[in-house]
């Protein structure tokens, strides 16, 4: 389905049209498929028509003319449209794009890339120093392998078995004036001149058809190969651009892979560092706990009473009434227990205190 991108050159406004009509009318009235509301645009300015897979533009005797790729075209004369061609009508520029209706619409949105690609192709074409003329190569018969150049200075070439033809091919299966090739519709068009055995292109009988590079003509029984270096160069340029785009995509993918690899490496290093940090923290906590446990154990040892004190504490503890009190252990003769010595000391101290008190009373009485 062809796509038309209409841009107003002064305001910069753009509008897209996806039209599949066999005939598309462009003008300033609302009845046109593409309306250009400007007084200097004719009511029916130009028409785009479809013939099989080809699209052609024809100026409808407009007042100010129609320009194809900045070149004014003749009125009522069809010119072939190629994807990327631009039409200029007064203050409007129309970009013609061809797309495959079966492709994913999401893929067709990349029009900017397509436009840049087409501009680059045109630039490459302009960079060519010289272009060879189109040619016809006879593939069978008496004139097999003969190559005939179509001089760009000429506008038409008659083909037939008559010697007066521009391209004489003396074969009985050809009519005297069999067909004619002429510059038309922006390319080369072959027309059958009501020949006896007909004119065929790629095994299909035609009366008039635009020629493309690689087309195989058959006039009577004579097979002819049509070559157009201009189209070949365009194809080669397109293939070269596709190759460069693939290389750029591969390079971009390689750079992205390296970036991802570097990010993975940094993430792994970060994870290792975090793991090491946690292990060090766990080890420090464990050492602190061990140190604290040792300190508590040392303090517990310091607070534990001596064996004598522990025995004394044991004797002073109240006995359980429910249990019989064991008889006191008989003391060894000549030795006093610590408690007995303590009681004797207290008694002596009390006696001394009483004597001192009596003496004080006697003295001061």
Protein backbone atom coordinates (compact mmCIF):
# COMPACT_ATOMS: atom_id res chain seq x y z
CA UNK A 1 0.00 0.00 0.00
CA UNK A 2 1.44 3.38 -0.99
CA UNK A 3 1.92 6.03 1.66
CA UNK A 4 1.86 9.75 1.04
CA UNK A 5 3.40 12.19 3.52
CA UNK A 6 2.11 15.68 2.76
CA UNK A 7 4.12 18.55 4.26
CA UNK A 8 3.36 22.26 4.11
CA UNK A 9 6.71 23.88 3.41
CA UNK A 10 5.90 27.14 5.21
CA UNK A 11 4.14 25.90 8.36
CA UNK A 12 5.88 22.52 8.62
CA UNK A 13 2.54 20.74 9.19
CA UNK A 14 2.50 17.11 8.06
CA UNK A 15 -0.27 14.65 7.31
CA UNK A 16 -0.05 10.99 6.28
CA UNK A 17 -2.31 9.24 3.78
CA UNK A 18 -2.46 5.46 3.32
CA UNK A 19 -4.39 4.99 0.07
CA UNK A 20 -4.94 1.82 -1.93
CA UNK A 21 -7.17 3.33 -4.62
CA UNK A 22 -6.41 2.55 -8.25
CA UNK A 23 -6.66 6.28 -8.91
CA UNK A 24 -5.76 9.04 -6.42
CA UNK A 25 -6.77 12.61 -7.18
CA UNK A 26 -4.83 15.55 -5.74
CA UNK A 27 -6.28 19.08 -5.73
CA UNK A 28 -7.85 21.80 -3.64
CA UNK A 29 -11.46 20.50 -3.55
CA UNK A 30 -12.86 18.23 -0.85
CA UNK A 31 -13.66 15.63 -3.51
CA UNK A 32 -9.95 14.90 -3.92
CA UNK A 33 -8.39 12.02 -2.00
CA UNK A 34 -5.54 14.36 -1.05
CA UNK A 35 -6.87 17.87 -0.49
CA UNK A 36 -4.45 20.81 -0.72
CA UNK A 37 -6.46 23.87 0.43
CA UNK A 38 -4.57 26.64 -1.38
CA UNK A 39 -5.98 28.95 -4.05
CA UNK A 40 -2.98 28.53 -6.34
CA UNK A 41 -3.60 24.76 -6.41
CA UNK A 42 -5.96 23.67 -9.21
CA UNK A 43 -9.24 21.98 -8.37
CA UNK A 44 -8.01 18.79 -10.08
CA UNK A 45 -4.27 19.34 -10.05
CA UNK A 46 -2.75 15.93 -10.71
CA UNK A 47 -3.60 12.24 -10.56
CA UNK A 48 -1.73 9.18 -9.36
CA UNK A 49 -2.76 5.93 -11.02
CA UNK A 50 -1.79 2.31 -10.57
CA UNK A 51 -0.85 -0.13 -13.33
CA UNK A 52 -0.15 -3.58 -11.89
CA UNK A 53 2.65 -2.98 -9.34
CA UNK A 54 3.68 0.43 -10.73
CA UNK A 55 2.38 3.87 -9.81
CA UNK A 56 2.35 6.86 -12.17
CA UNK A 57 1.73 10.57 -11.71
CA UNK A 58 0.06 12.72 -14.37
CA UNK A 59 -0.44 16.48 -14.32
CA UNK A 60 -4.06 17.36 -15.22
CA UNK A 61 -3.24 20.58 -17.06
CA UNK A 62 -2.86 22.44 -13.77
CA UNK A 63 -2.33 26.17 -13.71
CA UNK A 64 1.02 26.19 -11.90
CA UNK A 65 2.31 22.75 -12.77
CA UNK A 66 3.45 19.64 -10.91
CA UNK A 67 7.10 19.01 -10.04
CA UNK A 68 8.57 15.52 -9.70
CA UNK A 69 11.88 15.55 -7.82
CA UNK A 70 12.12 19.35 -8.50
CA UNK A 71 11.58 18.87 -12.24
CA UNK A 72 8.35 20.04 -13.84
CA UNK A 73 6.51 17.29 -15.71
CA UNK A 74 4.53 17.69 -18.90
CA UNK A 75 0.76 17.88 -18.66
CA UNK A 76 -1.21 14.73 -19.46
CA UNK A 77 2.00 12.65 -19.54
CA UNK A 78 2.44 9.76 -17.12
CA UNK A 79 5.64 9.54 -15.10
CA UNK A 80 6.73 6.54 -13.05
CA UNK A 81 6.82 7.02 -9.27
CA UNK A 82 9.48 5.29 -7.24
CA UNK A 83 9.54 4.92 -3.47
CA UNK A 84 11.15 8.07 -2.06
CA UNK A 85 10.14 10.36 -4.94
CA UNK A 86 8.79 13.79 -4.00
CA UNK A 87 6.05 15.80 -5.67
CA UNK A 88 5.90 19.55 -5.18
CA UNK A 89 2.66 21.42 -5.72
CA UNK A 90 2.91 25.09 -4.76
CA UNK A 91 3.64 25.22 -0.99
CA UNK A 92 3.13 21.49 -0.53
CA UNK A 93 5.64 18.66 -0.76
CA UNK A 94 4.38 15.09 -1.08
CA UNK A 95 6.67 12.17 -0.28
CA UNK A 96 5.70 8.93 -2.02
CA UNK A 97 6.54 5.72 -0.12
CA UNK A 98 5.83 2.14 -1.03
CA UNK A 99 5.22 -0.41 1.71
CA UNK A 100 4.12 -4.03 1.94
CA UNK A 101 0.57 -4.30 3.23
CA UNK A 102 1.36 -7.72 4.70
CA UNK A 103 4.14 -6.50 6.93
CA UNK A 104 3.75 -5.66 10.56
CA UNK A 105 2.44 -2.07 10.93
CA UNK A 106 4.89 -1.52 13.76
CA UNK A 107 7.73 -2.10 11.34
CA UNK A 108 6.32 0.40 8.85
CA UNK A 109 6.53 3.24 11.35
CA UNK A 110 10.26 3.64 10.78
CA UNK A 111 9.72 6.13 7.95
CA UNK A 112 12.55 8.41 9.04
CA UNK A 113 15.09 5.62 8.49
CA UNK A 114 13.53 4.82 5.10
CA UNK A 115 13.71 8.47 4.01
CA UNK A 116 17.35 8.77 5.06
CA UNK A 117 18.15 5.54 3.24
CA UNK A 118 16.51 6.76 0.05
CA UNK A 119 18.31 10.10 0.25
CA UNK A 120 21.58 8.25 0.67
CA UNK A 121 20.82 6.07 -2.35
CA UNK A 122 20.11 9.16 -4.44
CA UNK A 123 23.34 10.72 -3.24
CA UNK A 124 25.25 7.62 -4.29
CA UNK A 125 23.55 7.69 -7.67
CA UNK A 126 24.54 11.32 -8.20
CA UNK A 127 28.10 10.45 -7.25
CA UNK A 128 28.45 8.10 -10.21
CA UNK A 129 30.60 9.75 -12.85
CA UNK A 130 28.90 8.19 -15.84
CA UNK A 131 25.98 5.85 -16.30
CA UNK A 132 25.87 3.31 -19.07
CA UNK A 133 22.96 3.42 -21.47
CA UNK A 134 20.21 0.81 -21.25
CA UNK A 135 20.72 -2.11 -23.63
CA UNK A 136 19.08 -5.07 -25.31
CA UNK A 137 20.88 -8.42 -25.53
CA UNK A 138 19.60 -11.00 -28.02
CA UNK A 139 19.63 -14.47 -26.47
CA UNK A 140 18.87 -16.74 -29.47
CA UNK A 141 18.59 -16.85 -33.25
CA UNK A 142 21.07 -15.61 -35.85
CA UNK A 143 21.95 -12.55 -33.79
CA UNK A 144 22.54 -14.40 -30.52
CA UNK A 145 24.76 -12.51 -28.02
CA UNK A 146 24.40 -9.26 -29.93
CA UNK A 147 24.16 -6.27 -27.59
CA UNK A 148 22.31 -3.14 -28.70
CA UNK A 149 22.75 0.09 -26.74
CA UNK A 150 19.78 2.44 -26.46
CA UNK A 151 21.40 5.81 -26.98
CA UNK A 152 20.20 8.30 -24.39
CA UNK A 153 20.07 11.01 -27.03
CA UNK A 154 17.21 9.25 -28.82
CA UNK A 155 13.61 9.25 -27.59
CA UNK A 156 12.29 6.11 -29.28
CA UNK A 157 13.50 2.97 -31.09
CA UNK A 158 11.49 0.87 -33.55
CA UNK A 159 12.19 -2.89 -33.58
CA UNK A 160 11.35 -5.21 -36.48
CA UNK A 161 12.72 -7.21 -39.37
CA UNK A 162 12.57 -4.26 -41.77
CA UNK A 163 15.97 -2.66 -42.37
CA UNK A 164 14.44 0.80 -41.84
CA UNK A 165 13.83 0.04 -38.15
CA UNK A 166 16.14 1.58 -35.54
CA UNK A 167 16.84 -1.93 -34.27
CA UNK A 168 16.56 -4.33 -37.23
CA UNK A 169 16.37 -8.03 -36.34
CA UNK A 170 16.02 -10.03 -39.52
CA UNK A 171 13.97 -12.99 -38.28
CA UNK A 172 10.84 -14.34 -39.95
CA UNK A 173 8.90 -14.56 -36.67
CA UNK A 174 9.11 -10.78 -36.29
CA UNK A 175 6.77 -8.37 -38.07
CA UNK A 176 8.28 -5.70 -40.29
CA UNK A 177 7.66 -3.14 -37.55
CA UNK A 178 7.08 -5.32 -34.51
CA UNK A 179 7.37 -3.08 -31.42
CA UNK A 180 8.59 0.30 -30.25
CA UNK A 181 10.56 1.36 -27.18
CA UNK A 182 10.18 4.98 -26.11
CA UNK A 183 11.01 7.23 -23.21
CA UNK A 184 7.81 7.57 -21.28
CA UNK A 185 6.39 7.60 -17.74
CA UNK A 186 9.81 8.46 -16.36
CA UNK A 187 11.43 5.36 -17.85
CA UNK A 188 11.44 3.18 -20.98
CA UNK A 189 8.14 1.77 -22.23
CA UNK A 190 7.71 -0.93 -24.88
CA UNK A 191 4.59 -0.92 -27.04
CA UNK A 192 3.45 -3.70 -29.38
CA UNK A 193 2.67 -2.35 -32.84
CA UNK A 194 -0.09 -4.89 -33.62
CA UNK A 195 2.53 -7.49 -34.51
CA UNK A 196 1.56 -10.87 -35.95
CA UNK A 197 3.07 -13.00 -33.20
CA UNK A 198 2.75 -10.55 -30.33
CA UNK A 199 5.14 -9.09 -27.74
CA UNK A 200 5.75 -10.83 -24.42
CA UNK A 201 7.50 -9.69 -21.24
CA UNK A 202 8.38 -12.36 -18.71
CA UNK A 203 6.03 -14.80 -20.55
CA UNK A 204 3.10 -12.41 -20.35
CA UNK A 205 1.62 -10.87 -23.50
CA UNK A 206 1.46 -7.10 -23.37
CA UNK A 207 0.37 -4.17 -25.46
CA UNK A 208 2.28 -1.54 -23.48
CA UNK A 209 4.47 -1.90 -20.42
CA UNK A 210 7.20 -0.13 -18.49
CA UNK A 211 10.53 -1.95 -18.74
CA UNK A 212 12.61 -2.89 -15.72
CA UNK A 213 16.15 -4.15 -15.48
CA UNK A 214 16.27 -7.93 -16.05
CA UNK A 215 12.99 -8.11 -18.01
CA UNK A 216 12.95 -10.85 -20.67
CA UNK A 217 11.26 -9.84 -23.88
CA UNK A 218 10.05 -12.23 -26.55
CA UNK A 219 9.28 -10.81 -29.99
CA UNK A 220 7.96 -13.69 -32.05
CA UNK A 221 10.44 -16.43 -31.17
CA UNK A 222 13.36 -14.12 -30.44
CA UNK A 223 14.27 -13.73 -26.76
CA UNK A 224 15.83 -10.44 -25.65
CA UNK A 225 17.21 -9.42 -22.23
CA UNK A 226 16.67 -5.80 -21.17
CA UNK A 227 19.37 -4.27 -18.98
CA UNK A 228 19.20 -0.88 -17.27
CA UNK A 229 22.40 -0.01 -15.35
CA UNK A 230 20.62 2.81 -13.55
CA UNK A 231 18.29 0.37 -11.84
CA UNK A 232 21.18 -2.03 -11.23
CA UNK A 233 23.18 0.71 -9.53
CA UNK A 234 20.19 1.55 -7.37
CA UNK A 235 19.81 -2.07 -6.40
CA UNK A 236 23.51 -2.40 -5.62
CA UNK A 237 23.38 0.78 -3.55
CA UNK A 238 20.39 -0.57 -1.65
CA UNK A 239 22.15 -3.89 -1.03
CA UNK A 240 25.26 -2.05 0.15
CA UNK A 241 23.18 0.03 2.53
CA UNK A 242 21.50 -3.09 3.89
CA UNK A 243 24.91 -4.67 4.41
CA UNK A 244 26.16 -1.60 6.28
CA UNK A 245 23.02 -1.54 8.39
CA UNK A 246 23.54 -5.20 9.31
CA UNK A 247 27.18 -4.51 10.18
CA UNK A 248 26.14 -1.52 12.30
CA UNK A 249 23.53 -3.67 14.06
CA UNK A 250 26.11 -6.39 14.75
CA UNK A 251 28.59 -3.82 16.05
CA UNK A 252 25.93 -2.30 18.28
CA UNK A 253 25.02 -5.78 19.56
CA UNK A 254 28.69 -6.48 20.29
CA UNK A 255 29.06 -3.21 22.21
CA UNK A 256 25.87 -3.99 24.15
CA UNK A 257 27.17 -7.48 24.97
CA UNK A 258 30.43 -6.01 26.28
CA UNK A 259 28.52 -3.51 28.39
CA UNK A 260 26.37 -6.29 29.83
CA UNK A 261 29.48 -8.39 30.52
CA UNK A 262 31.14 -5.44 32.30
CA UNK A 263 27.99 -4.80 34.33
CA UNK A 264 27.85 -8.49 35.30
CA UNK A 265 31.52 -8.40 36.34
CA UNK A 266 30.98 -5.29 38.50
CA UNK A 267 27.88 -6.83 40.07
CA UNK A 268 29.83 -10.01 40.87
CA UNK A 269 32.66 -8.00 42.44
CA UNK A 270 30.14 -6.03 44.47
CA UNK A 271 28.48 -9.25 45.65
CA UNK A 272 31.88 -10.72 46.64
CA UNK A 273 32.77 -7.55 48.55
CA UNK A 274 29.41 -7.59 50.35
CA UNK A 275 29.90 -11.25 51.26
CA UNK A 276 33.39 -10.55 52.58
CA UNK A 277 32.10 -7.60 54.61
CA UNK A 278 29.35 -9.70 56.20
CA UNK A 279 31.83 -12.47 57.04
CA UNK A 280 34.14 -9.95 58.72
CA UNK A 281 31.22 -8.49 60.69
CA UNK A 282 30.12 -11.99 61.80
CA UNK A 283 33.67 -12.84 62.86
CA UNK A 284 33.96 -9.59 64.84
CA UNK A 285 30.66 -10.29 66.62
CA UNK A 286 31.78 -13.84 67.45
CA UNK A 287 35.10 -12.60 68.87
CA UNK A 288 33.29 -9.97 70.95
CA UNK A 289 30.94 -12.64 72.36
CA UNK A 290 33.86 -14.94 73.22
CA UNK A 291 35.69 -12.07 74.94
CA UNK A 292 32.61 -11.14 76.91
CA UNK A 293 32.07 -14.77 77.98
CA UNK A 294 35.71 -15.05 79.15
CA UNK A 295 35.35 -11.82 81.13
CA UNK A 296 32.17 -13.03 82.77
CA UNK A 297 33.87 -16.32 83.68
CA UNK A 298 36.80 -14.43 85.22
CA UNK A 299 34.45 -12.24 87.25
CA UNK A 300 32.58 -15.32 88.44
CA UNK A 301 35.82 -16.88 89.64
CA UNK A 302 36.71 -13.71 91.60
CA UNK A 303 33.30 -13.67 93.32
CA UNK A 304 33.50 -17.35 94.46
CA UNK A 305 34.13 -17.51 98.40
CA UNK A 306 37.14 -19.27 100.00
CA UNK A 307 36.61 -22.85 101.35
CA UNK A 308 36.66 -21.69 105.04
CA UNK A 309 34.06 -18.98 104.37
CA UNK A 310 31.98 -21.43 102.42
CA UNK A 311 32.08 -23.88 105.38
CA UNK A 312 31.11 -21.10 107.82
CA UNK A 313 28.20 -20.09 105.58
CA UNK A 314 27.14 -23.69 105.52
CA UNK A 315 27.03 -23.99 109.38
CA UNK A 316 25.08 -20.76 109.73
CA UNK A 317 22.39 -21.77 107.29
CA UNK A 318 19.08 -22.64 109.00
CA UNK A 319 18.38 -26.32 109.21
CA UNK A 320 15.32 -27.89 107.84
CA UNK A 321 12.99 -28.99 110.75
CA UNK A 322 11.84 -31.90 108.75
CA UNK A 323 15.32 -33.37 108.74
CA UNK A 324 17.11 -34.54 111.90
CA UNK A 325 20.02 -32.38 113.00
CA UNK A 326 23.18 -34.40 112.97
CA UNK A 327 25.03 -34.45 116.33
CA UNK A 328 27.94 -32.04 116.60
CA UNK A 329 31.21 -33.42 115.70
CA UNK A 330 33.36 -33.89 118.80
CA UNK A 331 36.27 -31.46 118.91
CA UNK A 332 39.75 -32.60 119.15
CA UNK A 333 41.26 -32.08 122.56
CA UNK A 334 43.74 -29.19 122.81
CA UNK A 335 42.32 -27.40 119.78
CA UNK A 336 39.56 -24.78 119.66
CA UNK A 337 37.30 -24.06 116.82
CA UNK A 338 37.28 -20.63 115.31
CA UNK A 339 33.79 -19.90 116.64
CA UNK A 340 34.84 -20.82 120.19
CA UNK A 341 37.83 -18.52 120.02
CA UNK A 342 35.56 -15.77 118.81
CA UNK A 343 33.16 -16.24 121.72
CA UNK A 344 36.03 -16.20 124.27
CA UNK A 345 37.37 -12.96 122.73
CA UNK A 346 33.97 -11.32 123.00
CA UNK A 347 33.65 -12.42 126.64
CA UNK A 348 37.05 -11.02 127.56
CA UNK A 349 36.18 -7.75 125.83
CA UNK A 350 32.88 -7.47 127.73
CA UNK A 351 34.62 -8.18 131.07
CA UNK A 352 37.26 -5.55 130.46
CA UNK A 353 34.56 -3.05 129.55
CA UNK A 354 32.68 -3.78 132.81
CA UNK A 355 35.79 -3.34 134.93
CA UNK A 356 36.57 -0.02 133.23
CA UNK A 357 33.02 1.19 133.87
CA UNK A 358 33.22 0.30 137.58
CA UNK A 359 36.54 2.08 138.00
CA UNK A 360 35.13 5.21 136.32
CA UNK A 361 32.17 5.24 138.71
CA UNK A 362 34.40 4.82 141.75
CA UNK A 363 36.71 7.61 140.72
CA UNK A 364 34.04 10.18 139.99
CA UNK A 365 31.83 9.22 142.93
